[in-house]
Amino acid sequence: MRSPWFAALCLILVGSLTAPAEAQDRKFPYEAVISIDGEYVRSGPGPSFYPTDKLKRGDKVMVHRHDPGGWCMIAPPPGSFSWILAKNVKKTGNDRGVLNANKVVVHVGSSINPDEFTTIQGNLSQGDAVEILGEKTFAFEDGDKLMYKISPIKREWRWIPRKALAATDSIHSE
């Protein structure tokens, strides 16, 4: 006869094996809602990455991937933005520009701490178009530099803890 501890261990193992299978069966991307009172969206997959925004219960996000450690890679929520050096952009209108250089670094912006933009998520190339949302001068080690606040670029992501989300297809109205 096996001990009750063995039975409990088996239940824990079965539970831990079925949860990842459910996540793997889900087709990406999928829509989810914030299921808690509020949660920070971050510039990378973990609490050490700076927050870029805070979403409230009921806000919707588009989940593109489940990452290790319980983090979900999401499309930047409405209001998200990034920063690029203005010297690399030729303005083509009040809120439009075209890149005049290659390998222009795109920094993830934060509405929580507007002076934080250390996370880099991509590069733009000469000829790429951007939507300019604003501008600001920042102090760098080698002097002040004008940067443009832009709409997030293609394939730019944010992260949120999976525990804060509920897939919209799993929500049932009562």
C-alpha atoms as a PDB file:
ATOM      1  CA  MET A   1       0.000   0.000   0.000  1.00  0.00           C
ATOM      2  CA  ARG A   2       1.365   3.410  -0.940  1.00  0.00           C
ATOM      3  CA  SER A   3       1.496   6.298   1.480  1.00  0.00           C
ATOM      4  CA  PRO A   4      -0.846   9.324   1.268  1.00  0.00           C
ATOM      5  CA  TRP A   5       2.247  11.406   0.472  1.00  0.00           C
ATOM      6  CA  PHE A   6       2.805   9.419  -2.713  1.00  0.00           C
ATOM      7  CA  ALA A   7      -0.803  10.056  -3.801  1.00  0.00           C
ATOM      8  CA  ALA A   8      -0.450  13.778  -3.088  1.00  0.00           C
ATOM      9  CA  LEU A   9       2.787  13.922  -5.063  1.00  0.00           C
ATOM     10  CA  CYS A  10       1.110  12.190  -8.016  1.00  0.00           C
ATOM     11  CA  LEU A  11      -1.753  14.725  -7.960  1.00  0.00           C
ATOM     12  CA  ILE A  12       0.734  17.620  -7.928  1.00  0.00           C
ATOM     13  CA  LEU A  13       2.676  16.123 -10.843  1.00  0.00           C
ATOM     14  CA  VAL A  14      -0.478  15.529 -12.911  1.00  0.00           C
ATOM     15  CA  GLY A  15      -1.626  19.094 -12.235  1.00  0.00           C
ATOM     16  CA  SER A  16       1.707  20.552 -13.257  1.00  0.00           C
ATOM     17  CA  LEU A  17       1.730  18.530 -16.479  1.00  0.00           C
ATOM     18  CA  THR A  18      -1.779  19.515 -17.600  1.00  0.00           C
ATOM     19  CA  ALA A  19      -1.416  23.284 -17.096  1.00  0.00           C
ATOM     20  CA  PRO A  20       1.384  23.689 -19.672  1.00  0.00           C
ATOM     21  CA  ALA A  21      -0.533  21.500 -22.134  1.00  0.00           C
ATOM     22  CA  GLU A  22      -3.492  23.880 -21.954  1.00  0.00           C
ATOM     23  CA  ALA A  23      -1.196  26.829 -22.655  1.00  0.00           C
ATOM     24  CA  GLN A  24       0.379  25.003 -25.586  1.00  0.00           C
ATOM     25  CA  ASP A  25      -3.041  24.172 -27.086  1.00  0.00           C
ATOM     26  CA  ARG A  26      -3.993  27.850 -27.228  1.00  0.00           C
ATOM     27  CA  LYS A  27      -3.576  29.502 -30.612  1.00  0.00           C
ATOM     28  CA  PHE A  28      -1.650  32.768 -30.606  1.00  0.00           C
ATOM     29  CA  PRO A  29      -2.412  35.580 -30.699  1.00  0.00           C
ATOM     30  CA  TYR A  30      -5.486  35.596 -28.483  1.00  0.00           C
ATOM     31  CA  GLU A  31      -7.388  38.308 -26.643  1.00  0.00           C
ATOM     32  CA  ALA A  32      -7.357  38.453 -22.854  1.00  0.00           C
ATOM     33  CA  VAL A  33      -8.639  40.854 -20.216  1.00  0.00           C
ATOM     34  CA  ILE A  34      -7.041  42.060 -17.026  1.00  0.00           C
ATOM     35  CA  SER A  35      -8.720  39.979 -14.316  1.00  0.00           C
ATOM     36  CA  ILE A  36      -7.362  41.789 -11.250  1.00  0.00           C
ATOM     37  CA  ASP A  37      -7.747  45.344  -9.953  1.00  0.00           C
ATOM     38  CA  GLY A  38      -4.574  46.577 -11.652  1.00  0.00           C
ATOM     39  CA  GLU A  39      -1.320  45.296 -13.077  1.00  0.00           C
ATOM     40  CA  TYR A  40       1.835  46.851 -14.475  1.00  0.00           C
ATOM     41  CA  VAL A  41       2.804  46.243 -18.070  1.00  0.00           C
ATOM     42  CA  ARG A  42       6.599  45.904 -18.294  1.00  0.00           C
ATOM     43  CA  SER A  43       9.309  46.466 -20.865  1.00  0.00           C
ATOM     44  CA  GLY A  44      10.514  42.861 -20.513  1.00  0.00           C
ATOM     45  CA  PRO A  45       9.501  39.493 -19.051  1.00  0.00           C
ATOM     46  CA  GLY A  46      10.033  39.986 -15.337  1.00  0.00           C
ATOM     47  CA  PRO A  47       9.700  42.357 -12.397  1.00  0.00           C
ATOM     48  CA  SER A  48      13.223  43.730 -12.933  1.00  0.00           C
ATOM     49  CA  PHE A  49      12.085  45.381 -16.192  1.00  0.00           C
ATOM     50  CA  TYR A  50      10.613  48.842 -15.774  1.00  0.00           C
ATOM     51  CA  PRO A  51       6.852  49.358 -15.925  1.00  0.00           C
ATOM     52  CA  THR A  52       5.554  51.078 -19.043  1.00  0.00           C
ATOM     53  CA  ASP A  53       1.898  51.362 -18.089  1.00  0.00           C
ATOM     54  CA  LYS A  54      -0.663  50.136 -15.568  1.00  0.00           C
ATOM     55  CA  LEU A  55      -3.821  48.443 -16.790  1.00  0.00           C
ATOM     56  CA  LYS A  56      -7.034  48.093 -14.824  1.00  0.00           C
ATOM     57  CA  ARG A  57      -9.550  45.273 -14.491  1.00  0.00           C
ATOM     58  CA  GLY A  58     -11.404  44.757 -17.768  1.00  0.00           C
ATOM     59  CA  ASP A  59      -8.733  46.284 -20.040  1.00  0.00           C
ATOM     60  CA  LYS A  60      -8.074  44.080 -23.067  1.00  0.00           C
ATOM     61  CA  VAL A  61      -4.698  42.929 -24.365  1.00  0.00           C
ATOM     62  CA  MET A  62      -3.552  40.745 -27.260  1.00  0.00           C
ATOM     63  CA  VAL A  63      -1.335  37.879 -26.064  1.00  0.00           C
ATOM     64  CA  HIS A  64       1.291  36.685 -28.547  1.00  0.00           C
ATOM     65  CA  ARG A  65       3.323  34.251 -26.444  1.00  0.00           C
ATOM     66  CA  HIS A  66       3.631  32.643 -23.014  1.00  0.00           C
ATOM     67  CA  ASP A  67       7.152  33.051 -21.654  1.00  0.00           C
ATOM     68  CA  PRO A  68       8.903  31.167 -18.833  1.00  0.00           C
ATOM     69  CA  GLY A  69       8.304  32.394 -15.316  1.00  0.00           C
ATOM     70  CA  GLY A  70       4.609  33.120 -15.852  1.00  0.00           C
ATOM     71  CA  TRP A  71       4.960  36.111 -18.198  1.00  0.00           C
ATOM     72  CA  CYS A  72       2.928  36.819 -21.323  1.00  0.00           C
ATOM     73  CA  MET A  73       4.279  38.758 -24.282  1.00  0.00           C
ATOM     74  CA  ILE A  74       1.562  41.185 -25.403  1.00  0.00           C
ATOM     75  CA  ALA A  75       1.079  43.770 -28.102  1.00  0.00           C
ATOM     76  CA  PRO A  76       1.712  47.263 -26.743  1.00  0.00           C
ATOM     77  CA  PRO A  77      -1.588  48.424 -25.199  1.00  0.00           C
ATOM     78  CA  PRO A  78      -3.241  51.651 -26.420  1.00  0.00           C
ATOM     79  CA  GLY A  79      -1.231  54.661 -25.284  1.00  0.00           C
ATOM     80  CA  SER A  80       2.115  52.829 -25.505  1.00  0.00           C
ATOM     81  CA  PHE A  81       5.025  54.611 -27.126  1.00  0.00           C
ATOM     82  CA  SER A  82       8.736  54.396 -27.889  1.00  0.00           C
ATOM     83  CA  TRP A  83      11.650  56.827 -28.288  1.00  0.00           C
ATOM     84  CA  ILE A  84      14.145  57.327 -31.139  1.00  0.00           C
ATOM     85  CA  LEU A  85      16.836  59.919 -31.734  1.00  0.00           C
ATOM     86  CA  ALA A  86      15.358  62.793 -33.737  1.00  0.00           C
ATOM     87  CA  LYS A  87      18.562  63.264 -35.758  1.00  0.00           C
ATOM     88  CA  ASN A  88      17.723  60.002 -37.554  1.00  0.00           C
ATOM     89  CA  VAL A  89      14.294  61.177 -38.720  1.00  0.00           C
ATOM     90  CA  LYS A  90      13.332  63.495 -41.564  1.00  0.00           C
ATOM     91  CA  LYS A  91       9.937  64.985 -40.719  1.00  0.00           C
ATOM     92  CA  THR A  92       7.416  64.645 -43.544  1.00  0.00           C
ATOM     93  CA  GLY A  93       4.556  66.298 -41.643  1.00  0.00           C
ATOM     94  CA  ASN A  94       3.591  67.413 -38.145  1.00  0.00           C
ATOM     95  CA  ASP A  95       3.202  63.839 -36.925  1.00  0.00           C
ATOM     96  CA  ARG A  96       5.089  61.832 -39.558  1.00  0.00           C
ATOM     97  CA  GLY A  97       8.683  61.087 -40.357  1.00  0.00           C
ATOM     98  CA  VAL A  98      10.943  58.847 -42.410  1.00  0.00           C
ATOM     99  CA  LEU A  99      14.209  57.385 -41.146  1.00  0.00           C
ATOM    100  CA  ASN A 100      17.357  58.749 -42.803  1.00  0.00           C
ATOM    101  CA  ALA A 101      19.719  56.172 -41.275  1.00  0.00           C
ATOM    102  CA  ASN A 102      20.002  52.423 -40.724  1.00  0.00           C
ATOM    103  CA  LYS A 103      20.025  50.508 -37.447  1.00  0.00           C
ATOM    104  CA  VAL A 104      18.203  53.259 -35.560  1.00  0.00           C
ATOM    105  CA  VAL A 105      17.626  51.979 -32.026  1.00  0.00           C
ATOM    106  CA  VAL A 106      14.054  51.995 -30.702  1.00  0.00           C
ATOM    107  CA  HIS A 107      13.686  52.427 -26.931  1.00  0.00           C
ATOM    108  CA  VAL A 108      10.567  51.334 -25.033  1.00  0.00           C
ATOM    109  CA  GLY A 109       8.847  54.341 -23.436  1.00  0.00           C
ATOM    110  CA  SER A 110       7.078  54.488 -20.083  1.00  0.00           C
ATOM    111  CA  SER A 111       4.050  56.507 -19.034  1.00  0.00           C
ATOM    112  CA  ILE A 112       4.877  55.507 -15.428  1.00  0.00           C
ATOM    113  CA  ASN A 113       8.372  57.025 -15.518  1.00  0.00           C
ATOM    114  CA  PRO A 114       8.706  59.214 -18.653  1.00  0.00           C
ATOM    115  CA  ASP A 115      12.504  59.500 -18.276  1.00  0.00           C
ATOM    116  CA  GLU A 116      13.016  55.717 -18.369  1.00  0.00           C
ATOM    117  CA  PHE A 117      13.843  54.209 -21.765  1.00  0.00           C
ATOM    118  CA  THR A 118      16.740  51.802 -21.285  1.00  0.00           C
ATOM    119  CA  THR A 119      15.041  48.745 -22.833  1.00  0.00           C
ATOM    120  CA  ILE A 120      15.745  48.423 -26.549  1.00  0.00           C
ATOM    121  CA  GLN A 121      13.290  46.393 -28.582  1.00  0.00           C
ATOM    122  CA  GLY A 122      14.267  46.868 -32.162  1.00  0.00           C
ATOM    123  CA  ASN A 123      15.867  48.834 -34.946  1.00  0.00           C
ATOM    124  CA  LEU A 124      14.508  50.836 -37.820  1.00  0.00           C
ATOM    125  CA  SER A 125      16.097  51.266 -41.235  1.00  0.00           C
ATOM    126  CA  GLN A 126      16.421  54.064 -43.738  1.00  0.00           C
ATOM    127  CA  GLY A 127      13.067  54.685 -45.415  1.00  0.00           C
ATOM    128  CA  ASP A 128      10.952  53.299 -42.549  1.00  0.00           C
ATOM    129  CA  ALA A 129       8.049  55.566 -41.635  1.00  0.00           C
ATOM    130  CA  VAL A 130       7.162  56.540 -38.069  1.00  0.00           C
ATOM    131  CA  GLU A 131       4.264  58.302 -36.406  1.00  0.00           C
ATOM    132  CA  ILE A 132       5.624  61.094 -34.196  1.00  0.00           C
ATOM    133  CA  LEU A 133       3.647  61.639 -30.987  1.00  0.00           C
ATOM    134  CA  GLY A 134       5.887  64.261 -29.410  1.00  0.00           C
ATOM    135  CA  GLU A 135       9.472  65.185 -28.649  1.00  0.00           C
ATOM    136  CA  LYS A 136      11.695  65.712 -25.645  1.00  0.00           C
ATOM    137  CA  THR A 137      15.325  66.531 -24.967  1.00  0.00           C
ATOM    138  CA  PHE A 138      17.151  64.048 -22.745  1.00  0.00           C
ATOM    139  CA  ALA A 139      20.523  64.353 -21.046  1.00  0.00           C
ATOM    140  CA  PHE A 140      23.039  61.727 -22.189  1.00  0.00           C
ATOM    141  CA  GLU A 141      26.661  61.238 -21.098  1.00  0.00           C
ATOM    142  CA  ASP A 142      27.814  62.953 -24.295  1.00  0.00           C
ATOM    143  CA  GLY A 143      25.323  65.820 -24.097  1.00  0.00           C
ATOM    144  CA  ASP A 144      21.656  66.652 -24.574  1.00  0.00           C
ATOM    145  CA  LYS A 145      19.815  64.926 -27.424  1.00  0.00           C
ATOM    146  CA  LEU A 146      16.392  65.509 -28.929  1.00  0.00           C
ATOM    147  CA  MET A 147      14.286  62.360 -29.163  1.00  0.00           C
ATOM    148  CA  TYR A 148      10.976  61.722 -30.852  1.00  0.00           C
ATOM    149  CA  LYS A 149       8.212  59.924 -29.027  1.00  0.00           C
ATOM    150  CA  ILE A 150       6.764  57.509 -31.611  1.00  0.00           C
ATOM    151  CA  SER A 151       4.044  54.893 -31.888  1.00  0.00           C
ATOM    152  CA  PRO A 152       5.368  51.408 -31.137  1.00  0.00           C
ATOM    153  CA  ILE A 153       6.979  49.728 -34.123  1.00  0.00           C
ATOM    154  CA  LYS A 154       6.032  46.387 -35.650  1.00  0.00           C
ATOM    155  CA  ARG A 155       7.219  43.460 -33.554  1.00  0.00           C
ATOM    156  CA  GLU A 156       7.591  45.568 -30.439  1.00  0.00           C
ATOM    157  CA  TRP A 157       6.231  43.922 -27.310  1.00  0.00           C
ATOM    158  CA  ARG A 158       5.373  44.422 -23.666  1.00  0.00           C
ATOM    159  CA  TRP A 159       4.956  41.839 -20.885  1.00  0.00           C
ATOM    160  CA  ILE A 160       2.421  41.206 -18.164  1.00  0.00           C
ATOM    161  CA  PRO A 161       2.105  38.401 -15.580  1.00  0.00           C
ATOM    162  CA  ARG A 162      -0.115  35.558 -16.802  1.00  0.00           C
ATOM    163  CA  LYS A 163      -1.829  35.489 -13.380  1.00  0.00           C
ATOM    164  CA  ALA A 164      -3.341  38.903 -14.161  1.00  0.00           C
ATOM    165  CA  LEU A 165      -5.064  37.697 -17.348  1.00  0.00           C
ATOM    166  CA  ALA A 166      -8.145  35.761 -18.361  1.00  0.00           C
ATOM    167  CA  ALA A 167      -8.650  34.731 -21.988  1.00  0.00           C
ATOM    168  CA  THR A 168     -11.809  36.366 -23.312  1.00  0.00           C
ATOM    169  CA  ASP A 169     -12.989  33.028 -24.713  1.00  0.00           C
ATOM    170  CA  SER A 170     -12.866  31.577 -21.183  1.00  0.00           C
ATOM    171  CA  ILE A 171     -15.063  34.309 -19.656  1.00  0.00           C
ATOM    172  CA  HIS A 172     -18.694  33.327 -19.343  1.00  0.00           C
ATOM    173  CA  SER A 173     -21.438  35.837 -18.635  1.00  0.00           C
ATOM    174  CA  GLU A 174     -23.825  34.884 -15.884  1.00  0.00           C
END
